[in-house]
Amino acid sequence: MTALPELIPLLKHLRLSGILDSLEARNREALDRHLAYTDFLGLLIQDEVARRERKKLAQRLRRAHFRSHKTLECFDFDRLPTLNRALVHDLATGRFLAEKVAVLIVGPCEDAT
């Protein structure tokens, strides 16, 4: 399915051009799964929200000017065998923010240079 020609400028005008990226795949999914129109629309909106969140994060990372890019996936847990891996992953979810729990992390800092 190709997006209707009149749909493209409307989505761009509403600043929803990210929907165009997933429209074809989501339309196929809606047809295959016999989704209601509202479910199809919900999927498109979820895709747009996710795209915007990724874009915001990328922009924040660029503005931060970090010297290096490090993620939890590339963290070397073997280097710190006494570190509670499950606790680190739990903290990474940010659940403590919603629960309003104080977190104090202490330890030596490593020079990343």
PDB file of N, CA and C in Angstrom:
ATOM      1  N   MET A   1       0.832  -1.177   0.000  1.00  0.00           N
ATOM      2  CA  MET A   1       0.000   0.000   0.000  1.00  0.00           C
ATOM      3  C   MET A   1       0.873   1.235   0.000  1.00  0.00           C
ATOM      4  N   THR A   2       0.597   2.134  -0.873  1.00  0.00           N
ATOM      5  CA  THR A   2       1.286   3.406  -0.912  1.00  0.00           C
ATOM      6  C   THR A   2       0.402   4.428  -0.223  1.00  0.00           C
ATOM      7  N   ALA A   3       1.013   5.296   0.573  1.00  0.00           N
ATOM      8  CA  ALA A   3       0.228   6.319   1.259  1.00  0.00           C
ATOM      9  C   ALA A   3      -0.505   7.166   0.235  1.00  0.00           C
ATOM     10  N   LEU A   4      -1.725   7.482   0.538  1.00  0.00           N
ATOM     11  CA  LEU A   4      -2.501   8.332  -0.351  1.00  0.00           C
ATOM     12  C   LEU A   4      -1.762   9.647  -0.550  1.00  0.00           C
ATOM     13  N   PRO A   5      -1.671  10.116  -1.805  1.00  0.00           N
ATOM     14  CA  PRO A   5      -0.912  11.347  -2.060  1.00  0.00           C
ATOM     15  C   PRO A   5      -1.400  12.532  -1.221  1.00  0.00           C
ATOM     16  N   GLU A   6      -2.695  12.591  -0.966  1.00  0.00           N
ATOM     17  CA  GLU A   6      -3.212  13.724  -0.179  1.00  0.00           C
ATOM     18  C   GLU A   6      -2.916  13.576   1.311  1.00  0.00           C
ATOM     19  N   LEU A   7      -2.574  12.368   1.748  1.00  0.00           N
ATOM     20  CA  LEU A   7      -2.284  12.127   3.155  1.00  0.00           C
ATOM     21  C   LEU A   7      -0.906  12.659   3.549  1.00  0.00           C
ATOM     22  N   ILE A   8       0.037  12.587   2.664  1.00  0.00           N
ATOM     23  CA  ILE A   8       1.413  12.993   2.956  1.00  0.00           C
ATOM     24  C   ILE A   8       1.506  14.456   3.378  1.00  0.00           C
ATOM     25  N   PRO A   9       0.994  15.409   2.611  1.00  0.00           N
ATOM     26  CA  PRO A   9       1.113  16.807   3.049  1.00  0.00           C
ATOM     27  C   PRO A   9       0.324  17.099   4.329  1.00  0.00           C
ATOM     28  N   LEU A  10      -0.788  16.405   4.533  1.00  0.00           N
ATOM     29  CA  LEU A  10      -1.569  16.627   5.750  1.00  0.00           C
ATOM     30  C   LEU A  10      -0.796  16.161   6.983  1.00  0.00           C
ATOM     31  N   LEU A  11      -0.188  14.988   6.896  1.00  0.00           N
ATOM     32  CA  LEU A  11       0.595  14.488   8.015  1.00  0.00           C
ATOM     33  C   LEU A  11       1.800  15.380   8.285  1.00  0.00           C
ATOM     34  N   LYS A  12       2.421  15.879   7.219  1.00  0.00           N
ATOM     35  CA  LYS A  12       3.558  16.785   7.389  1.00  0.00           C
ATOM     36  C   LYS A  12       3.105  18.105   7.999  1.00  0.00           C
ATOM     37  N   HIS A  13       1.950  18.604   7.577  1.00  0.00           N
ATOM     38  CA  HIS A  13       1.414  19.848   8.117  1.00  0.00           C
ATOM     39  C   HIS A  13       1.140  19.706   9.617  1.00  0.00           C
ATOM     40  N   LEU A  14       0.662  18.556  10.030  1.00  0.00           N
ATOM     41  CA  LEU A  14       0.393  18.290  11.439  1.00  0.00           C
ATOM     42  C   LEU A  14       1.641  17.831  12.194  1.00  0.00           C
ATOM     43  N   ARG A  15       2.770  17.799  11.498  1.00  0.00           N
ATOM     44  CA  ARG A  15       4.045  17.335  12.054  1.00  0.00           C
ATOM     45  C   ARG A  15       3.952  15.895  12.549  1.00  0.00           C
ATOM     46  N   LEU A  16       3.296  15.072  11.731  1.00  0.00           N
ATOM     47  CA  LEU A  16       3.147  13.651  12.011  1.00  0.00           C
ATOM     48  C   LEU A  16       3.798  12.818  10.904  1.00  0.00           C
ATOM     49  N   SER A  17       4.841  13.347  10.330  1.00  0.00           N
ATOM     50  CA  SER A  17       5.456  12.653   9.201  1.00  0.00           C
ATOM     51  C   SER A  17       6.062  11.313   9.601  1.00  0.00           C
ATOM     52  N   GLY A  18       6.329  11.114  10.881  1.00  0.00           N
ATOM     53  CA  GLY A  18       6.851   9.831  11.334  1.00  0.00           C
ATOM     54  C   GLY A  18       5.862   8.699  11.123  1.00  0.00           C
ATOM     55  N   ILE A  19       4.586   9.030  11.092  1.00  0.00           N
ATOM     56  CA  ILE A  19       3.564   8.013  10.831  1.00  0.00           C
ATOM     57  C   ILE A  19       3.767   7.413   9.443  1.00  0.00           C
ATOM     58  N   LEU A  20       4.249   8.222   8.531  1.00  0.00           N
ATOM     59  CA  LEU A  20       4.479   7.727   7.163  1.00  0.00           C
ATOM     60  C   LEU A  20       5.487   6.575   7.151  1.00  0.00           C
ATOM     61  N   ASP A  21       6.430   6.592   8.087  1.00  0.00           N
ATOM     62  CA  ASP A  21       7.442   5.531   8.143  1.00  0.00           C
ATOM     63  C   ASP A  21       6.835   4.172   8.460  1.00  0.00           C
ATOM     64  N   SER A  22       5.798   4.162   9.283  1.00  0.00           N
ATOM     65  CA  SER A  22       5.226   2.881   9.705  1.00  0.00           C
ATOM     66  C   SER A  22       3.848   2.609   9.111  1.00  0.00           C
ATOM     67  N   LEU A  23       3.337   3.520   8.311  1.00  0.00           N
ATOM     68  CA  LEU A  23       1.975   3.389   7.802  1.00  0.00           C
ATOM     69  C   LEU A  23       1.763   2.108   7.000  1.00  0.00           C
ATOM     70  N   GLU A  24       2.674   1.826   6.101  1.00  0.00           N
ATOM     71  CA  GLU A  24       2.507   0.643   5.249  1.00  0.00           C
ATOM     72  C   GLU A  24       2.533  -0.649   6.064  1.00  0.00           C
ATOM     73  N   ALA A  25       3.507  -0.766   6.959  1.00  0.00           N
ATOM     74  CA  ALA A  25       3.620  -1.978   7.775  1.00  0.00           C
ATOM     75  C   ALA A  25       2.428  -2.117   8.716  1.00  0.00           C
ATOM     76  N   ARG A  26       2.015  -1.017   9.315  1.00  0.00           N
ATOM     77  CA  ARG A  26       0.876  -1.072  10.234  1.00  0.00           C
ATOM     78  C   ARG A  26      -0.423  -1.368   9.489  1.00  0.00           C
ATOM     79  N   ASN A  27      -0.551  -0.864   8.257  1.00  0.00           N
ATOM     80  CA  ASN A  27      -1.743  -1.159   7.463  1.00  0.00           C
ATOM     81  C   ASN A  27      -1.808  -2.656   7.152  1.00  0.00           C
ATOM     82  N   ARG A  28      -0.671  -3.227   6.780  1.00  0.00           N
ATOM     83  CA  ARG A  28      -0.606  -4.664   6.518  1.00  0.00           C
ATOM     84  C   ARG A  28      -0.970  -5.461   7.764  1.00  0.00           C
ATOM     85  N   GLU A  29      -0.427  -5.030   8.904  1.00  0.00           N
ATOM     86  CA  GLU A  29      -0.719  -5.696  10.173  1.00  0.00           C
ATOM     87  C   GLU A  29      -2.205  -5.601  10.508  1.00  0.00           C
ATOM     88  N   ALA A  30      -2.798  -4.432  10.281  1.00  0.00           N
ATOM     89  CA  ALA A  30      -4.222  -4.242  10.569  1.00  0.00           C
ATOM     90  C   ALA A  30      -5.085  -5.144   9.700  1.00  0.00           C
ATOM     91  N   LEU A  31      -4.709  -5.297   8.439  1.00  0.00           N
ATOM     92  CA  LEU A  31      -5.456  -6.168   7.536  1.00  0.00           C
ATOM     93  C   LEU A  31      -5.304  -7.630   7.947  1.00  0.00           C
ATOM     94  N   ASP A  32      -4.067  -8.032   8.254  1.00  0.00           N
ATOM     95  CA  ASP A  32      -3.802  -9.420   8.631  1.00  0.00           C
ATOM     96  C   ASP A  32      -4.491  -9.806   9.937  1.00  0.00           C
ATOM     97  N   ARG A  33      -4.504  -8.885  10.877  1.00  0.00           N
ATOM     98  CA  ARG A  33      -5.067  -9.183  12.206  1.00  0.00           C
ATOM     99  C   ARG A  33      -6.514  -8.723  12.356  1.00  0.00           C
ATOM    100  N   HIS A  34      -7.079  -8.181  11.283  1.00  0.00           N
ATOM    101  CA  HIS A  34      -8.467  -7.699  11.293  1.00  0.00           C
ATOM    102  C   HIS A  34      -8.707  -6.708  12.441  1.00  0.00           C
ATOM    103  N   LEU A  35      -7.814  -5.719  12.533  1.00  0.00           N
ATOM    104  CA  LEU A  35      -7.908  -4.734  13.605  1.00  0.00           C
ATOM    105  C   LEU A  35      -9.008  -3.716  13.322  1.00  0.00           C
ATOM    106  N   ALA A  36      -9.592  -3.226  14.390  1.00  0.00           N
ATOM    107  CA  ALA A  36     -10.559  -2.140  14.266  1.00  0.00           C
ATOM    108  C   ALA A  36      -9.799  -0.872  13.885  1.00  0.00           C
ATOM    109  N   TYR A  37     -10.518   0.094  13.327  1.00  0.00           N
ATOM    110  CA  TYR A  37      -9.884   1.351  12.921  1.00  0.00           C
ATOM    111  C   TYR A  37      -9.207   2.037  14.098  1.00  0.00           C
ATOM    112  N   THR A  38      -9.854   2.003  15.252  1.00  0.00           N
ATOM    113  CA  THR A  38      -9.270   2.669  16.420  1.00  0.00           C
ATOM    114  C   THR A  38      -7.990   1.970  16.880  1.00  0.00           C
ATOM    115  N   ASP A  39      -7.937   0.643  16.758  1.00  0.00           N
ATOM    116  CA  ASP A  39      -6.714  -0.079  17.117  1.00  0.00           C
ATOM    117  C   ASP A  39      -5.590   0.257  16.139  1.00  0.00           C
ATOM    118  N   PHE A  40      -5.922   0.335  14.862  1.00  0.00           N
ATOM    119  CA  PHE A  40      -4.951   0.716  13.836  1.00  0.00           C
ATOM    120  C   PHE A  40      -4.420   2.119  14.111  1.00  0.00           C
ATOM    121  N   LEU A  41      -5.313   3.041  14.403  1.00  0.00           N
ATOM    122  CA  LEU A  41      -4.909   4.408  14.705  1.00  0.00           C
ATOM    123  C   LEU A  41      -4.046   4.446  15.959  1.00  0.00           C
ATOM    124  N   GLY A  42      -4.413   3.662  16.960  1.00  0.00           N
ATOM    125  CA  GLY A  42      -3.629   3.600  18.186  1.00  0.00           C
ATOM    126  C   GLY A  42      -2.200   3.153  17.934  1.00  0.00           C
ATOM    127  N   LEU A  43      -2.025   2.156  17.068  1.00  0.00           N
ATOM    128  CA  LEU A  43      -0.680   1.686  16.729  1.00  0.00           C
ATOM    129  C   LEU A  43       0.127   2.773  16.037  1.00  0.00           C
ATOM    130  N   LEU A  44      -0.516   3.486  15.117  1.00  0.00           N
ATOM    131  CA  LEU A  44       0.179   4.572  14.416  1.00  0.00           C
ATOM    132  C   LEU A  44       0.608   5.668  15.386  1.00  0.00           C
ATOM    133  N   ILE A  45      -0.264   5.992  16.323  1.00  0.00           N
ATOM    134  CA  ILE A  45       0.058   7.040  17.291  1.00  0.00           C
ATOM    135  C   ILE A  45       1.172   6.574  18.225  1.00  0.00           C
ATOM    136  N   GLN A  46       1.137   5.304  18.633  1.00  0.00           N
ATOM    137  CA  GLN A  46       2.222   4.769  19.461  1.00  0.00           C
ATOM    138  C   GLN A  46       3.553   4.863  18.724  1.00  0.00           C
ATOM    139  N   ASP A  47       3.543   4.553  17.432  1.00  0.00           N
ATOM    140  CA  ASP A  47       4.766   4.650  16.633  1.00  0.00           C
ATOM    141  C   ASP A  47       5.280   6.083  16.594  1.00  0.00           C
ATOM    142  N   GLU A  48       4.371   7.033  16.440  1.00  0.00           N
ATOM    143  CA  GLU A  48       4.759   8.446  16.391  1.00  0.00           C
ATOM    144  C   GLU A  48       5.340   8.899  17.724  1.00  0.00           C
ATOM    145  N   VAL A  49       4.706   8.508  18.818  1.00  0.00           N
ATOM    146  CA  VAL A  49       5.204   8.875  20.144  1.00  0.00           C
ATOM    147  C   VAL A  49       6.592   8.276  20.372  1.00  0.00           C
ATOM    148  N   ALA A  50       6.770   7.016  20.012  1.00  0.00           N
ATOM    149  CA  ALA A  50       8.071   6.359  20.181  1.00  0.00           C
ATOM    150  C   ALA A  50       9.140   7.054  19.344  1.00  0.00           C
ATOM    151  N   ARG A  51       8.798   7.433  18.117  1.00  0.00           N
ATOM    152  CA  ARG A  51       9.753   8.133  17.247  1.00  0.00           C
ATOM    153  C   ARG A  51      10.158   9.462  17.864  1.00  0.00           C
ATOM    154  N   ARG A  52       9.189  10.193  18.402  1.00  0.00           N
ATOM    155  CA  ARG A  52       9.489  11.487  19.017  1.00  0.00           C
ATOM    156  C   ARG A  52      10.357  11.329  20.254  1.00  0.00           C
ATOM    157  N   GLU A  53      10.099  10.299  21.040  1.00  0.00           N
ATOM    158  CA  GLU A  53      10.908  10.052  22.232  1.00  0.00           C
ATOM    159  C   GLU A  53      12.351   9.718  21.837  1.00  0.00           C
ATOM    160  N   ARG A  54      12.518   8.887  20.803  1.00  0.00           N
ATOM    161  CA  ARG A  54      13.877   8.567  20.324  1.00  0.00           C
ATOM    162  C   ARG A  54      14.581   9.833  19.846  1.00  0.00           C
ATOM    163  N   LYS A  55      13.839  10.683  19.143  1.00  0.00           N
ATOM    164  CA  LYS A  55      14.413  11.925  18.614  1.00  0.00           C
ATOM    165  C   LYS A  55      14.824  12.862  19.758  1.00  0.00           C
ATOM    166  N   LYS A  56      13.983  12.961  20.791  1.00  0.00           N
ATOM    167  CA  LYS A  56      14.308  13.802  21.956  1.00  0.00           C
ATOM    168  C   LYS A  56      15.560  13.295  22.658  1.00  0.00           C
ATOM    169  N   LEU A  57      15.638  11.974  22.844  1.00  0.00           N
ATOM    170  CA  LEU A  57      16.800  11.408  23.511  1.00  0.00           C
ATOM    171  C   LEU A  57      18.065  11.675  22.709  1.00  0.00           C
ATOM    172  N   ALA A  58      17.997  11.470  21.399  1.00  0.00           N
ATOM    173  CA  ALA A  58      19.164  11.714  20.552  1.00  0.00           C
ATOM    174  C   ALA A  58      19.595  13.178  20.631  1.00  0.00           C
ATOM    175  N   GLN A  59      18.625  14.070  20.652  1.00  0.00           N
ATOM    176  CA  GLN A  59      18.927  15.497  20.741  1.00  0.00           C
ATOM    177  C   GLN A  59      19.573  15.833  22.089  1.00  0.00           C
ATOM    178  N   ARG A  60      19.060  15.257  23.166  1.00  0.00           N
ATOM    179  CA  ARG A  60      19.637  15.509  24.488  1.00  0.00           C
ATOM    180  C   ARG A  60      21.063  14.974  24.584  1.00  0.00           C
ATOM    181  N   LEU A  61      21.284  13.807  24.002  1.00  0.00           N
ATOM    182  CA  LEU A  61      22.632  13.241  24.022  1.00  0.00           C
ATOM    183  C   LEU A  61      23.606  14.107  23.228  1.00  0.00           C
ATOM    184  N   ARG A  62      23.149  14.636  22.090  1.00  0.00           N
ATOM    185  CA  ARG A  62      24.002  15.536  21.296  1.00  0.00           C
ATOM    186  C   ARG A  62      24.328  16.798  22.084  1.00  0.00           C
ATOM    187  N   ARG A  63      23.326  17.388  22.730  1.00  0.00           N
ATOM    188  CA  ARG A  63      23.529  18.628  23.487  1.00  0.00           C
ATOM    189  C   ARG A  63      24.415  18.427  24.705  1.00  0.00           C
ATOM    190  N   ALA A  64      24.412  17.232  25.258  1.00  0.00           N
ATOM    191  CA  ALA A  64      25.205  16.951  26.451  1.00  0.00           C
ATOM    192  C   ALA A  64      26.700  16.922  26.141  1.00  0.00           C
ATOM    193  N   HIS A  65      27.071  16.676  24.894  1.00  0.00           N
ATOM    194  CA  HIS A  65      28.480  16.621  24.466  1.00  0.00           C
ATOM    195  C   HIS A  65      29.293  15.649  25.326  1.00  0.00           C
ATOM    196  N   PHE A  66      28.738  14.455  25.550  1.00  0.00           N
ATOM    197  CA  PHE A  66      29.479  13.447  26.294  1.00  0.00           C
ATOM    198  C   PHE A  66      30.743  13.077  25.525  1.00  0.00           C
ATOM    199  N   ARG A  67      31.813  12.818  26.277  1.00  0.00           N
ATOM    200  CA  ARG A  67      33.074  12.444  25.627  1.00  0.00           C
ATOM    201  C   ARG A  67      32.995  11.069  24.992  1.00  0.00           C
ATOM    202  N   SER A  68      32.196  10.199  25.587  1.00  0.00           N
ATOM    203  CA  SER A  68      32.032   8.865  25.016  1.00  0.00           C
ATOM    204  C   SER A  68      30.595   8.407  25.247  1.00  0.00           C
ATOM    205  N   HIS A  69      30.183   7.441  24.469  1.00  0.00           N
ATOM    206  CA  HIS A  69      28.825   6.919  24.561  1.00  0.00           C
ATOM    207  C   HIS A  69      28.878   5.565  25.256  1.00  0.00           C
ATOM    208  N   LYS A  70      28.294   5.480  26.442  1.00  0.00           N
ATOM    209  CA  LYS A  70      28.299   4.224  27.183  1.00  0.00           C
ATOM    210  C   LYS A  70      26.869   3.860  27.525  1.00  0.00           C
ATOM    211  N   THR A  71      26.583   2.570  27.427  1.00  0.00           N
ATOM    212  CA  THR A  71      25.259   2.074  27.772  1.00  0.00           C
ATOM    213  C   THR A  71      25.401   0.944  28.779  1.00  0.00           C
ATOM    214  N   LEU A  72      24.306   0.601  29.403  1.00  0.00           N
ATOM    215  CA  LEU A  72      24.319  -0.486  30.366  1.00  0.00           C
ATOM    216  C   LEU A  72      24.617  -1.819  29.677  1.00  0.00           C
ATOM    217  N   GLU A  73      24.217  -1.927  28.416  1.00  0.00           N
ATOM    218  CA  GLU A  73      24.466  -3.165  27.667  1.00  0.00           C
ATOM    219  C   GLU A  73      25.957  -3.435  27.487  1.00  0.00           C
ATOM    220  N   CYS A  74      26.764  -2.381  27.426  1.00  0.00           N
ATOM    221  CA  CYS A  74      28.202  -2.596  27.222  1.00  0.00           C
ATOM    222  C   CYS A  74      28.992  -2.492  28.536  1.00  0.00           C
ATOM    223  N   PHE A  75      28.290  -2.414  29.674  1.00  0.00           N
ATOM    224  CA  PHE A  75      28.963  -2.334  30.967  1.00  0.00           C
ATOM    225  C   PHE A  75      29.617  -3.670  31.293  1.00  0.00           C
ATOM    226  N   ASP A  76      30.845  -3.630  31.755  1.00  0.00           N
ATOM    227  CA  ASP A  76      31.605  -4.841  32.082  1.00  0.00           C
ATOM    228  C   ASP A  76      31.367  -5.234  33.540  1.00  0.00           C
ATOM    229  N   PHE A  77      30.355  -6.045  33.765  1.00  0.00           N
ATOM    230  CA  PHE A  77      30.030  -6.489  35.122  1.00  0.00           C
ATOM    231  C   PHE A  77      31.102  -7.421  35.679  1.00  0.00           C
ATOM    232  N   ASP A  78      31.859  -8.079  34.823  1.00  0.00           N
ATOM    233  CA  ASP A  78      32.911  -8.992  35.283  1.00  0.00           C
ATOM    234  C   ASP A  78      34.024  -8.238  36.011  1.00  0.00           C
ATOM    235  N   ARG A  79      34.178  -6.965  35.668  1.00  0.00           N
ATOM    236  CA  ARG A  79      35.203  -6.145  36.302  1.00  0.00           C
ATOM    237  C   ARG A  79      34.883  -5.867  37.767  1.00  0.00           C
ATOM    238  N   LEU A  80      33.584  -5.909  38.097  1.00  0.00           N
ATOM    239  CA  LEU A  80      33.136  -5.656  39.473  1.00  0.00           C
ATOM    240  C   LEU A  80      32.262  -6.828  39.923  1.00  0.00           C
ATOM    241  N   PRO A  81      32.855  -7.942  40.270  1.00  0.00           N
ATOM    242  CA  PRO A  81      32.073  -9.146  40.565  1.00  0.00           C
ATOM    243  C   PRO A  81      31.139  -9.011  41.770  1.00  0.00           C
ATOM    244  N   THR A  82      31.431  -8.093  42.691  1.00  0.00           N
ATOM    245  CA  THR A  82      30.570  -7.938  43.864  1.00  0.00           C
ATOM    246  C   THR A  82      29.383  -7.006  43.598  1.00  0.00           C
ATOM    247  N   LEU A  83      29.361  -6.373  42.461  1.00  0.00           N
ATOM    248  CA  LEU A  83      28.269  -5.467  42.121  1.00  0.00           C
ATOM    249  C   LEU A  83      26.987  -6.271  41.863  1.00  0.00           C
ATOM    250  N   ASN A  84      25.909  -5.861  42.467  1.00  0.00           N
ATOM    251  CA  ASN A  84      24.624  -6.543  42.327  1.00  0.00           C
ATOM    252  C   ASN A  84      24.030  -6.191  40.955  1.00  0.00           C
ATOM    253  N   ARG A  85      24.191  -7.087  40.016  1.00  0.00           N
ATOM    254  CA  ARG A  85      23.741  -6.864  38.638  1.00  0.00           C
ATOM    255  C   ARG A  85      22.227  -6.635  38.556  1.00  0.00           C
ATOM    256  N   ALA A  86      21.461  -7.414  39.291  1.00  0.00           N
ATOM    257  CA  ALA A  86      20.000  -7.283  39.272  1.00  0.00           C
ATOM    258  C   ALA A  86      19.577  -5.913  39.794  1.00  0.00           C
ATOM    259  N   LEU A  87      20.255  -5.435  40.832  1.00  0.00           N
ATOM    260  CA  LEU A  87      19.933  -4.122  41.387  1.00  0.00           C
ATOM    261  C   LEU A  87      20.249  -3.015  40.390  1.00  0.00           C
ATOM    262  N   VAL A  88      21.358  -3.133  39.700  1.00  0.00           N
ATOM    263  CA  VAL A  88      21.729  -2.132  38.689  1.00  0.00           C
ATOM    264  C   VAL A  88      20.672  -2.089  37.581  1.00  0.00           C
ATOM    265  N   HIS A  89      20.248  -3.244  37.121  1.00  0.00           N
ATOM    266  CA  HIS A  89      19.228  -3.287  36.073  1.00  0.00           C
ATOM    267  C   HIS A  89      17.895  -2.740  36.580  1.00  0.00           C
ATOM    268  N   ASP A  90      17.578  -3.008  37.845  1.00  0.00           N
ATOM    269  CA  ASP A  90      16.353  -2.468  38.435  1.00  0.00           C
ATOM    270  C   ASP A  90      16.423  -0.949  38.512  1.00  0.00           C
ATOM    271  N   LEU A  91      17.567  -0.416  38.924  1.00  0.00           N
ATOM    272  CA  LEU A  91      17.732   1.039  38.971  1.00  0.00           C
ATOM    273  C   LEU A  91      17.630   1.655  37.579  1.00  0.00           C
ATOM    274  N   ALA A  92      18.098   0.940  36.574  1.00  0.00           N
ATOM    275  CA  ALA A  92      18.068   1.451  35.197  1.00  0.00           C
ATOM    276  C   ALA A  92      16.645   1.618  34.678  1.00  0.00           C
ATOM    277  N   THR A  93      15.696   0.918  35.260  1.00  0.00           N
ATOM    278  CA  THR A  93      14.306   1.080  34.816  1.00  0.00           C
ATOM    279  C   THR A  93      13.741   2.429  35.231  1.00  0.00           C
ATOM    280  N   GLY A  94      14.333   3.049  36.249  1.00  0.00           N
ATOM    281  CA  GLY A  94      13.839   4.334  36.732  1.00  0.00           C
ATOM    282  C   GLY A  94      12.599   4.205  37.603  1.00  0.00           C
ATOM    283  N   ARG A  95      12.280   2.995  37.985  1.00  0.00           N
ATOM    284  CA  ARG A  95      11.091   2.754  38.805  1.00  0.00           C
ATOM    285  C   ARG A  95      11.144   3.542  40.109  1.00  0.00           C
ATOM    286  N   PHE A  96      12.338   3.742  40.649  1.00  0.00           N
ATOM    287  CA  PHE A  96      12.487   4.456  41.909  1.00  0.00           C
ATOM    288  C   PHE A  96      12.003   5.899  41.802  1.00  0.00           C
ATOM    289  N   LEU A  97      11.998   6.448  40.597  1.00  0.00           N
ATOM    290  CA  LEU A  97      11.501   7.813  40.412  1.00  0.00           C
ATOM    291  C   LEU A  97      10.002   7.889  40.651  1.00  0.00           C
ATOM    292  N   ALA A  98       9.265   6.968  40.054  1.00  0.00           N
ATOM    293  CA  ALA A  98       7.809   6.947  40.218  1.00  0.00           C
ATOM    294  C   ALA A  98       7.432   6.635  41.664  1.00  0.00           C
ATOM    295  N   GLU A  99       8.239   5.806  42.311  1.00  0.00           N
ATOM    296  CA  GLU A  99       7.966   5.430  43.696  1.00  0.00           C
ATOM    297  C   GLU A  99       8.489   6.452  44.697  1.00  0.00           C
ATOM    298  N   LYS A 100       9.213   7.466  44.195  1.00  0.00           N
ATOM    299  CA  LYS A 100       9.774   8.543  45.023  1.00  0.00           C
ATOM    300  C   LYS A 100      10.682   7.993  46.124  1.00  0.00           C
ATOM    301  N   VAL A 101      11.559   7.082  45.712  1.00  0.00           N
ATOM    302  CA  VAL A 101      12.514   6.469  46.629  1.00  0.00           C
ATOM    303  C   VAL A 101      13.878   7.114  46.398  1.00  0.00           C
ATOM    304  N   ALA A 102      14.528   7.500  47.475  1.00  0.00           N
ATOM    305  CA  ALA A 102      15.857   8.087  47.362  1.00  0.00           C
ATOM    306  C   ALA A 102      16.881   7.009  47.022  1.00  0.00           C
ATOM    307  N   VAL A 103      17.822   7.342  46.159  1.00  0.00           N
ATOM    308  CA  VAL A 103      18.885   6.420  45.777  1.00  0.00           C
ATOM    309  C   VAL A 103      20.213   7.142  45.944  1.00  0.00           C
ATOM    310  N   LEU A 104      21.143   6.500  46.623  1.00  0.00           N
ATOM    311  CA  LEU A 104      22.471   7.057  46.818  1.00  0.00           C
ATOM    312  C   LEU A 104      23.470   6.056  46.264  1.00  0.00           C
ATOM    313  N   ILE A 105      24.238   6.492  45.303  1.00  0.00           N
ATOM    314  CA  ILE A 105      25.255   5.625  44.698  1.00  0.00           C
ATOM    315  C   ILE A 105      26.613   6.222  45.038  1.00  0.00           C
ATOM    316  N   VAL A 106      27.451   5.417  45.665  1.00  0.00           N
ATOM    317  CA  VAL A 106      28.772   5.896  46.066  1.00  0.00           C
ATOM    318  C   VAL A 106      29.835   4.960  45.517  1.00  0.00           C
ATOM    319  N   GLY A 107      31.008   5.497  45.365  1.00  0.00           N
ATOM    320  CA  GLY A 107      32.120   4.695  44.894  1.00  0.00           C
ATOM    321  C   GLY A 107      33.111   5.551  44.162  1.00  0.00           C
ATOM    322  N   PRO A 108      34.241   4.989  43.847  1.00  0.00           N
ATOM    323  CA  PRO A 108      35.263   5.777  43.147  1.00  0.00           C
ATOM    324  C   PRO A 108      34.827   6.094  41.722  1.00  0.00           C
ATOM    325  N   CYS A 109      35.250   7.236  41.271  1.00  0.00           N
ATOM    326  CA  CYS A 109      34.969   7.643  39.880  1.00  0.00           C
ATOM    327  C   CYS A 109      36.123   7.195  39.006  1.00  0.00           C
ATOM    328  N   GLU A 110      35.795   6.827  37.800  1.00  0.00           N
ATOM    329  CA  GLU A 110      36.811   6.402  36.851  1.00  0.00           C
ATOM    330  C   GLU A 110      37.003   7.515  35.841  1.00  0.00           C
ATOM    331  N   ASP A 111      38.236   7.836  35.565  1.00  0.00           N
ATOM    332  CA  ASP A 111      38.527   8.844  34.554  1.00  0.00           C
ATOM    333  C   ASP A 111      38.338   8.226  33.189  1.00  0.00           C
ATOM    334  N   ALA A 112      37.428   8.786  32.371  1.00  0.00           N
ATOM    335  CA  ALA A 112      37.091   8.219  31.073  1.00  0.00           C
ATOM    336  C   ALA A 112      38.031   8.650  29.968  1.00  0.00           C
ATOM    337  N   THR A 113      39.069   9.391  30.305  1.00  0.00           N
ATOM    338  CA  THR A 113      39.971   9.861  29.247  1.00  0.00           C
ATOM    339  C   THR A 113      40.936   8.810  28.811  1.00  0.00           C
TER     340      THR A 113
END
